[in-house]
């Protein structure tokens, strides 16, 4: 059912895998933000790049 959502179909949704350090970004702290911000922004950027596909 979720595969019918256009954003999911084209891959423009940013899912954070449970086995990555980005899980710490789910409940941000001053330390986790500094540690994960670059990876988090890359993940969001990849999803944003697919919005117009």
Protein backbone atom coordinates (compact mmCIF):
# COMPACT_ATOMS: atom_id res chain seq x y z
CA UNK A 1 0.00 0.00 0.00
CA UNK A 2 2.82 2.42 0.80
CA UNK A 3 4.35 1.78 -2.63
CA UNK A 4 1.42 3.66 -4.17
CA UNK A 5 2.50 6.93 -2.51
CA UNK A 6 4.28 8.96 -5.23
CA UNK A 7 7.13 10.09 -2.97
CA UNK A 8 7.91 6.52 -1.94
CA UNK A 9 7.56 5.24 -5.49
CA UNK A 10 10.19 7.68 -6.82
CA UNK A 11 12.50 7.35 -3.80
CA UNK A 12 12.16 10.91 -2.54
CA UNK A 13 11.63 9.83 1.05
CA UNK A 14 14.50 9.77 3.53
CA UNK A 15 14.39 6.60 5.63
CA UNK A 16 16.95 6.30 8.42
CA UNK A 17 18.19 2.73 8.70
CA UNK A 18 18.15 1.36 12.24
CA UNK A 19 21.75 0.12 12.02
CA UNK A 20 23.37 3.50 11.30
CA UNK A 21 24.65 6.34 13.50
CA UNK A 22 21.85 8.48 12.02
CA UNK A 23 19.43 6.80 14.41
CA UNK A 24 20.86 9.17 17.03
CA UNK A 25 19.52 12.07 14.95
CA UNK A 26 15.98 10.89 15.70
CA UNK A 27 16.23 12.37 19.19
CA UNK A 28 18.86 15.07 18.69
CA UNK A 29 21.27 16.21 21.36
CA UNK A 30 24.05 18.77 20.96
CA UNK A 31 26.55 15.93 20.51
CA UNK A 32 24.50 13.84 18.09
CA UNK A 33 23.71 16.82 15.86
CA UNK A 34 27.38 17.64 15.35
CA UNK A 35 28.23 13.98 14.77
CA UNK A 36 25.45 13.16 12.30
CA UNK A 37 24.56 16.41 10.51
CA UNK A 38 26.64 15.76 7.38
CA UNK A 39 25.26 12.24 6.87
CA UNK A 40 21.73 13.42 7.63
CA UNK A 41 21.98 16.24 5.07
CA UNK A 42 23.34 13.82 2.44
CA UNK A 43 20.39 11.50 3.04
CA UNK A 44 17.92 14.38 2.74
CA UNK A 45 19.72 15.70 -0.35
CA UNK A 46 19.46 12.36 -2.13
CA UNK A 47 15.73 12.24 -1.43
CA UNK A 48 15.26 15.86 -2.50
CA UNK A 49 17.09 15.22 -5.78
CA UNK A 50 14.39 12.71 -6.72
CA UNK A 51 11.40 15.00 -6.06
CA UNK A 52 11.06 16.09 -9.69
CA UNK A 53 11.59 12.64 -11.22
